[in-house]
């Protein structure tokens, strides 16, 4: 195994447990993480780990068109 891969495996971290969303359905958690992402960069890793790329792209498109539900 190459050194780069070994380094990535050793430093791999998953998103921490969020007690606000204990269920397996992560839709509400995904939504909240997306909302948390923009005003604060701290939860960036968590929001990126828990949200699917297709949903993220859809939310970005809605935001760009000013059709985002919170705007």
PDB file of N, CA and C in Angstrom:
ATOM      1  N   UNK A   1       0.849  -1.177   0.000  1.00  0.00           N
ATOM      2  CA  UNK A   1       0.000   0.000   0.000  1.00  0.00           C
ATOM      3  C   UNK A   1       0.896   1.241   0.000  1.00  0.00           C
ATOM      4  N   UNK A   2       0.528   2.222  -0.783  1.00  0.00           N
ATOM      5  CA  UNK A   2       1.358   3.421  -0.856  1.00  0.00           C
ATOM      6  C   UNK A   2       1.243   4.241   0.432  1.00  0.00           C
ATOM      7  N   UNK A   3       2.216   5.083   0.638  1.00  0.00           N
ATOM      8  CA  UNK A   3       2.246   5.918   1.845  1.00  0.00           C
ATOM      9  C   UNK A   3       1.066   6.889   1.892  1.00  0.00           C
ATOM     10  N   UNK A   4       0.667   7.414   0.729  1.00  0.00           N
ATOM     11  CA  UNK A   4      -0.455   8.360   0.686  1.00  0.00           C
ATOM     12  C   UNK A   4      -1.744   7.692   1.163  1.00  0.00           C
ATOM     13  N   UNK A   5      -1.976   6.460   0.720  1.00  0.00           N
ATOM     14  CA  UNK A   5      -3.188   5.744   1.120  1.00  0.00           C
ATOM     15  C   UNK A   5      -3.132   5.407   2.606  1.00  0.00           C
ATOM     16  N   UNK A   6      -1.974   4.958   3.084  1.00  0.00           N
ATOM     17  CA  UNK A   6      -1.825   4.659   4.508  1.00  0.00           C
ATOM     18  C   UNK A   6      -2.103   5.891   5.362  1.00  0.00           C
ATOM     19  N   UNK A   7      -1.601   7.027   4.907  1.00  0.00           N
ATOM     20  CA  UNK A   7      -1.812   8.272   5.640  1.00  0.00           C
ATOM     21  C   UNK A   7      -3.295   8.635   5.692  1.00  0.00           C
ATOM     22  N   UNK A   8      -3.990   8.476   4.562  1.00  0.00           N
ATOM     23  CA  UNK A   8      -5.419   8.784   4.523  1.00  0.00           C
ATOM     24  C   UNK A   8      -6.212   7.864   5.442  1.00  0.00           C
ATOM     25  N   UNK A   9      -5.858   6.577   5.454  1.00  0.00           N
ATOM     26  CA  UNK A   9      -6.563   5.620   6.306  1.00  0.00           C
ATOM     27  C   UNK A   9      -6.338   5.949   7.778  1.00  0.00           C
ATOM     28  N   UNK A  10      -5.119   6.276   8.143  1.00  0.00           N
ATOM     29  CA  UNK A  10      -4.810   6.587   9.537  1.00  0.00           C
ATOM     30  C   UNK A  10      -5.486   7.871  10.009  1.00  0.00           C
ATOM     31  N   UNK A  11      -5.663   8.837   9.116  1.00  0.00           N
ATOM     32  CA  UNK A  11      -6.233  10.134   9.484  1.00  0.00           C
ATOM     33  C   UNK A  11      -7.725  10.248   9.181  1.00  0.00           C
ATOM     34  N   UNK A  12      -8.366   9.154   8.752  1.00  0.00           N
ATOM     35  CA  UNK A  12      -9.771   9.194   8.378  1.00  0.00           C
ATOM     36  C   UNK A  12     -10.649   9.404   9.608  1.00  0.00           C
ATOM     37  N   UNK A  13     -11.569  10.342   9.507  1.00  0.00           N
ATOM     38  CA  UNK A  13     -12.502  10.618  10.601  1.00  0.00           C
ATOM     39  C   UNK A  13     -13.898  10.753  10.017  1.00  0.00           C
ATOM     40  N   UNK A  14     -14.869  10.150  10.672  1.00  0.00           N
ATOM     41  CA  UNK A  14     -16.250  10.290  10.239  1.00  0.00           C
ATOM     42  C   UNK A  14     -16.896  11.443  10.992  1.00  0.00           C
ATOM     43  N   UNK A  15     -18.060  11.828  10.537  1.00  0.00           N
ATOM     44  CA  UNK A  15     -18.792  12.904  11.205  1.00  0.00           C
ATOM     45  C   UNK A  15     -19.187  12.451  12.605  1.00  0.00           C
ATOM     46  N   UNK A  16     -19.139  13.342  13.584  1.00  0.00           N
ATOM     47  CA  UNK A  16     -19.517  12.961  14.950  1.00  0.00           C
ATOM     48  C   UNK A  16     -21.022  12.730  15.066  1.00  0.00           C
ATOM     49  N   UNK A  17     -21.422  12.002  16.085  1.00  0.00           N
ATOM     50  CA  UNK A  17     -22.834  11.740  16.345  1.00  0.00           C
ATOM     51  C   UNK A  17     -23.538  13.039  16.713  1.00  0.00           C
ATOM     52  N   UNK A  18     -24.688  13.282  16.110  1.00  0.00           N
ATOM     53  CA  UNK A  18     -25.486  14.471  16.407  1.00  0.00           C
ATOM     54  C   UNK A  18     -26.764  14.012  17.102  1.00  0.00           C
ATOM     55  N   UNK A  19     -26.881  14.253  18.388  1.00  0.00           N
ATOM     56  CA  UNK A  19     -28.008  13.746  19.170  1.00  0.00           C
ATOM     57  C   UNK A  19     -29.346  14.368  18.775  1.00  0.00           C
ATOM     58  N   UNK A  20     -29.328  15.435  17.979  1.00  0.00           N
ATOM     59  CA  UNK A  20     -30.593  16.014  17.521  1.00  0.00           C
ATOM     60  C   UNK A  20     -31.282  15.094  16.521  1.00  0.00           C
ATOM     61  N   UNK A  21     -30.508  14.222  15.868  1.00  0.00           N
ATOM     62  CA  UNK A  21     -31.037  13.357  14.817  1.00  0.00           C
ATOM     63  C   UNK A  21     -30.593  11.913  15.056  1.00  0.00           C
ATOM     64  N   UNK A  22     -31.204  11.219  16.039  1.00  0.00           N
ATOM     65  CA  UNK A  22     -30.741   9.877  16.388  1.00  0.00           C
ATOM     66  C   UNK A  22     -31.215   8.779  15.437  1.00  0.00           C
ATOM     67  N   UNK A  23     -32.183   9.046  14.587  1.00  0.00           N
ATOM     68  CA  UNK A  23     -32.749   8.020  13.719  1.00  0.00           C
ATOM     69  C   UNK A  23     -31.883   7.782  12.493  1.00  0.00           C
ATOM     70  N   UNK A  24     -32.163   6.690  11.806  1.00  0.00           N
ATOM     71  CA  UNK A  24     -31.386   6.364  10.619  1.00  0.00           C
ATOM     72  C   UNK A  24     -31.736   7.269   9.442  1.00  0.00           C
ATOM     73  N   UNK A  25     -32.960   7.769   9.384  1.00  0.00           N
ATOM     74  CA  UNK A  25     -33.331   8.673   8.305  1.00  0.00           C
ATOM     75  C   UNK A  25     -32.635  10.006   8.557  1.00  0.00           C
ATOM     76  N   UNK A  26     -31.695  10.352   7.716  1.00  0.00           N
ATOM     77  CA  UNK A  26     -30.860  11.527   7.936  1.00  0.00           C
ATOM     78  C   UNK A  26     -31.339  12.761   7.176  1.00  0.00           C
ATOM     79  N   UNK A  27     -32.558  12.726   6.630  1.00  0.00           N
ATOM     80  CA  UNK A  27     -33.040  13.848   5.829  1.00  0.00           C
ATOM     81  C   UNK A  27     -33.064  15.146   6.624  1.00  0.00           C
ATOM     82  N   UNK A  28     -33.655  15.130   7.809  1.00  0.00           N
ATOM     83  CA  UNK A  28     -33.722  16.351   8.614  1.00  0.00           C
ATOM     84  C   UNK A  28     -32.329  16.784   9.046  1.00  0.00           C
ATOM     85  N   UNK A  29     -31.482  15.824   9.396  1.00  0.00           N
ATOM     86  CA  UNK A  29     -30.107  16.155   9.766  1.00  0.00           C
ATOM     87  C   UNK A  29     -29.349  16.749   8.596  1.00  0.00           C
ATOM     88  N   UNK A  30     -29.579  16.204   7.423  1.00  0.00           N
ATOM     89  CA  UNK A  30     -28.944  16.721   6.210  1.00  0.00           C
ATOM     90  C   UNK A  30     -29.378  18.165   5.966  1.00  0.00           C
ATOM     91  N   UNK A  31     -30.673  18.423   6.084  1.00  0.00           N
ATOM     92  CA  UNK A  31     -31.221  19.767   5.896  1.00  0.00           C
ATOM     93  C   UNK A  31     -30.601  20.742   6.890  1.00  0.00           C
ATOM     94  N   UNK A  32     -30.560  20.358   8.156  1.00  0.00           N
ATOM     95  CA  UNK A  32     -30.011  21.235   9.189  1.00  0.00           C
ATOM     96  C   UNK A  32     -28.522  21.471   8.976  1.00  0.00           C
ATOM     97  N   UNK A  33     -27.800  20.434   8.599  1.00  0.00           N
ATOM     98  CA  UNK A  33     -26.369  20.598   8.340  1.00  0.00           C
ATOM     99  C   UNK A  33     -26.122  21.536   7.166  1.00  0.00           C
ATOM    100  N   UNK A  34     -26.983  21.464   6.156  1.00  0.00           N
ATOM    101  CA  UNK A  34     -26.836  22.374   5.021  1.00  0.00           C
ATOM    102  C   UNK A  34     -27.069  23.821   5.463  1.00  0.00           C
ATOM    103  N   UNK A  35     -28.077  24.032   6.309  1.00  0.00           N
ATOM    104  CA  UNK A  35     -28.345  25.382   6.811  1.00  0.00           C
ATOM    105  C   UNK A  35     -27.209  25.879   7.697  1.00  0.00           C
ATOM    106  N   UNK A  36     -26.617  24.983   8.479  1.00  0.00           N
ATOM    107  CA  UNK A  36     -25.492  25.340   9.343  1.00  0.00           C
ATOM    108  C   UNK A  36     -24.236  25.645   8.541  1.00  0.00           C
ATOM    109  N   UNK A  37     -24.121  25.060   7.378  1.00  0.00           N
ATOM    110  CA  UNK A  37     -22.909  25.166   6.566  1.00  0.00           C
ATOM    111  C   UNK A  37     -22.593  26.605   6.167  1.00  0.00           C
ATOM    112  N   UNK A  38     -23.595  27.364   5.763  1.00  0.00           N
ATOM    113  CA  UNK A  38     -23.327  28.691   5.214  1.00  0.00           C
ATOM    114  C   UNK A  38     -22.964  29.760   6.243  1.00  0.00           C
ATOM    115  N   UNK A  39     -23.657  29.864   7.372  1.00  0.00           N
ATOM    116  CA  UNK A  39     -23.252  30.911   8.320  1.00  0.00           C
ATOM    117  C   UNK A  39     -22.004  30.554   9.115  1.00  0.00           C
ATOM    118  N   UNK A  40     -21.653  29.282   9.157  1.00  0.00           N
ATOM    119  CA  UNK A  40     -20.516  28.886   9.988  1.00  0.00           C
ATOM    120  C   UNK A  40     -19.726  27.779   9.300  1.00  0.00           C
ATOM    121  N   UNK A  41     -18.442  27.963   9.154  1.00  0.00           N
ATOM    122  CA  UNK A  41     -17.612  26.970   8.493  1.00  0.00           C
ATOM    123  C   UNK A  41     -17.256  25.792   9.397  1.00  0.00           C
ATOM    124  N   UNK A  42     -17.470  25.917  10.701  1.00  0.00           N
ATOM    125  CA  UNK A  42     -17.080  24.844  11.625  1.00  0.00           C
ATOM    126  C   UNK A  42     -17.754  23.506  11.315  1.00  0.00           C
ATOM    127  N   UNK A  43     -19.074  23.473  11.061  1.00  0.00           N
ATOM    128  CA  UNK A  43     -19.698  22.175  10.781  1.00  0.00           C
ATOM    129  C   UNK A  43     -19.530  21.717   9.330  1.00  0.00           C
ATOM    130  N   UNK A  44     -18.606  22.329   8.607  1.00  0.00           N
ATOM    131  CA  UNK A  44     -18.441  22.019   7.189  1.00  0.00           C
ATOM    132  C   UNK A  44     -18.202  20.529   6.948  1.00  0.00           C
ATOM    133  N   UNK A  45     -17.290  19.948   7.687  1.00  0.00           N
ATOM    134  CA  UNK A  45     -16.979  18.538   7.478  1.00  0.00           C
ATOM    135  C   UNK A  45     -18.196  17.663   7.756  1.00  0.00           C
ATOM    136  N   UNK A  46     -18.925  17.964   8.801  1.00  0.00           N
ATOM    137  CA  UNK A  46     -20.108  17.189   9.148  1.00  0.00           C
ATOM    138  C   UNK A  46     -21.152  17.273   8.050  1.00  0.00           C
ATOM    139  N   UNK A  47     -21.403  18.455   7.555  1.00  0.00           N
ATOM    140  CA  UNK A  47     -22.427  18.601   6.527  1.00  0.00           C
ATOM    141  C   UNK A  47     -22.022  17.917   5.239  1.00  0.00           C
ATOM    142  N   UNK A  48     -20.756  17.968   4.901  1.00  0.00           N
ATOM    143  CA  UNK A  48     -20.298  17.305   3.677  1.00  0.00           C
ATOM    144  C   UNK A  48     -20.324  15.786   3.807  1.00  0.00           C
ATOM    145  N   UNK A  49     -20.103  15.254   5.002  1.00  0.00           N
ATOM    146  CA  UNK A  49     -20.106  13.806   5.192  1.00  0.00           C
ATOM    147  C   UNK A  49     -21.516  13.229   5.167  1.00  0.00           C
ATOM    148  N   UNK A  50     -22.488  13.976   5.613  1.00  0.00           N
ATOM    149  CA  UNK A  50     -23.840  13.445   5.770  1.00  0.00           C
ATOM    150  C   UNK A  50     -24.776  13.728   4.604  1.00  0.00           C
ATOM    151  N   UNK A  51     -24.403  14.553   3.679  1.00  0.00           N
ATOM    152  CA  UNK A  51     -25.311  14.946   2.611  1.00  0.00           C
ATOM    153  C   UNK A  51     -24.874  14.322   1.288  1.00  0.00           C
ATOM    154  N   UNK A  52     -25.831  13.825   0.513  1.00  0.00           N
ATOM    155  CA  UNK A  52     -25.494  13.231  -0.779  1.00  0.00           C
ATOM    156  C   UNK A  52     -25.142  14.340  -1.765  1.00  0.00           C
ATOM    157  N   UNK A  53     -24.295  14.013  -2.724  1.00  0.00           N
ATOM    158  CA  UNK A  53     -23.850  15.033  -3.675  1.00  0.00           C
ATOM    159  C   UNK A  53     -25.000  15.524  -4.551  1.00  0.00           C
ATOM    160  N   UNK A  54     -25.954  14.640  -4.883  1.00  0.00           N
ATOM    161  CA  UNK A  54     -27.080  15.072  -5.716  1.00  0.00           C
ATOM    162  C   UNK A  54     -27.983  16.050  -4.962  1.00  0.00           C
ATOM    163  N   UNK A  55     -28.230  15.780  -3.679  1.00  0.00           N
ATOM    164  CA  UNK A  55     -29.051  16.698  -2.887  1.00  0.00           C
ATOM    165  C   UNK A  55     -28.326  18.019  -2.674  1.00  0.00           C
ATOM    166  N   UNK A  56     -27.032  17.963  -2.433  1.00  0.00           N
ATOM    167  CA  UNK A  56     -26.244  19.181  -2.259  1.00  0.00           C
ATOM    168  C   UNK A  56     -26.314  20.046  -3.516  1.00  0.00           C
ATOM    169  N   UNK A  57     -26.178  19.419  -4.678  1.00  0.00           N
ATOM    170  CA  UNK A  57     -26.246  20.167  -5.934  1.00  0.00           C
ATOM    171  C   UNK A  57     -27.632  20.778  -6.122  1.00  0.00           C
ATOM    172  N   UNK A  58     -28.673  20.031  -5.780  1.00  0.00           N
ATOM    173  CA  UNK A  58     -30.038  20.536  -5.889  1.00  0.00           C
ATOM    174  C   UNK A  58     -30.253  21.750  -4.981  1.00  0.00           C
ATOM    175  N   UNK A  59     -29.762  21.669  -3.744  1.00  0.00           N
ATOM    176  CA  UNK A  59     -29.899  22.790  -2.814  1.00  0.00           C
ATOM    177  C   UNK A  59     -29.104  24.007  -3.289  1.00  0.00           C
ATOM    178  N   UNK A  60     -27.916  23.769  -3.846  1.00  0.00           N
ATOM    179  CA  UNK A  60     -27.118  24.876  -4.382  1.00  0.00           C
ATOM    180  C   UNK A  60     -27.841  25.553  -5.540  1.00  0.00           C
ATOM    181  N   UNK A  61     -28.443  24.754  -6.412  1.00  0.00           N
ATOM    182  CA  UNK A  61     -29.178  25.318  -7.548  1.00  0.00           C
ATOM    183  C   UNK A  61     -30.373  26.142  -7.072  1.00  0.00           C
ATOM    184  N   UNK A  62     -31.110  25.616  -6.086  1.00  0.00           N
ATOM    185  CA  UNK A  62     -32.251  26.355  -5.537  1.00  0.00           C
ATOM    186  C   UNK A  62     -31.796  27.679  -4.930  1.00  0.00           C
ATOM    187  N   UNK A  63     -30.676  27.643  -4.230  1.00  0.00           N
ATOM    188  CA  UNK A  63     -30.150  28.858  -3.599  1.00  0.00           C
ATOM    189  C   UNK A  63     -29.739  29.892  -4.643  1.00  0.00           C
ATOM    190  N   UNK A  64     -29.129  29.422  -5.719  1.00  0.00           N
ATOM    191  CA  UNK A  64     -28.693  30.324  -6.784  1.00  0.00           C
ATOM    192  C   UNK A  64     -29.885  30.977  -7.489  1.00  0.00           C
ATOM    193  N   UNK A  65     -30.990  30.229  -7.603  1.00  0.00           N
ATOM    194  CA  UNK A  65     -32.193  30.751  -8.256  1.00  0.00           C
ATOM    195  C   UNK A  65     -33.091  31.514  -7.291  1.00  0.00           C
ATOM    196  N   UNK A  66     -32.662  31.638  -6.030  1.00  0.00           N
ATOM    197  CA  UNK A  66     -33.454  32.287  -4.973  1.00  0.00           C
ATOM    198  C   UNK A  66     -34.787  31.588  -4.743  1.00  0.00           C
ATOM    199  N   UNK A  67     -34.822  30.283  -4.950  1.00  0.00           N
ATOM    200  CA  UNK A  67     -36.018  29.499  -4.657  1.00  0.00           C
ATOM    201  C   UNK A  67     -35.789  28.604  -3.450  1.00  0.00           C
ATOM    202  N   UNK A  68     -34.696  28.852  -2.740  1.00  0.00           N
ATOM    203  CA  UNK A  68     -34.368  28.074  -1.548  1.00  0.00           C
ATOM    204  C   UNK A  68     -35.418  28.360  -0.487  1.00  0.00           C
ATOM    205  N   UNK A  69     -35.910  27.332   0.175  1.00  0.00           N
ATOM    206  CA  UNK A  69     -37.052  27.451   1.093  1.00  0.00           C
ATOM    207  C   UNK A  69     -36.831  28.444   2.235  1.00  0.00           C
ATOM    208  N   UNK A  70     -35.612  28.649   2.674  1.00  0.00           N
ATOM    209  CA  UNK A  70     -35.342  29.535   3.806  1.00  0.00           C
ATOM    210  C   UNK A  70     -35.176  30.985   3.368  1.00  0.00           C
ATOM    211  N   UNK A  71     -34.883  31.217   2.128  1.00  0.00           N
ATOM    212  CA  UNK A  71     -34.615  32.589   1.660  1.00  0.00           C
ATOM    213  C   UNK A  71     -35.876  33.403   1.566  1.00  0.00           C
TER     214      UNK A  71
END
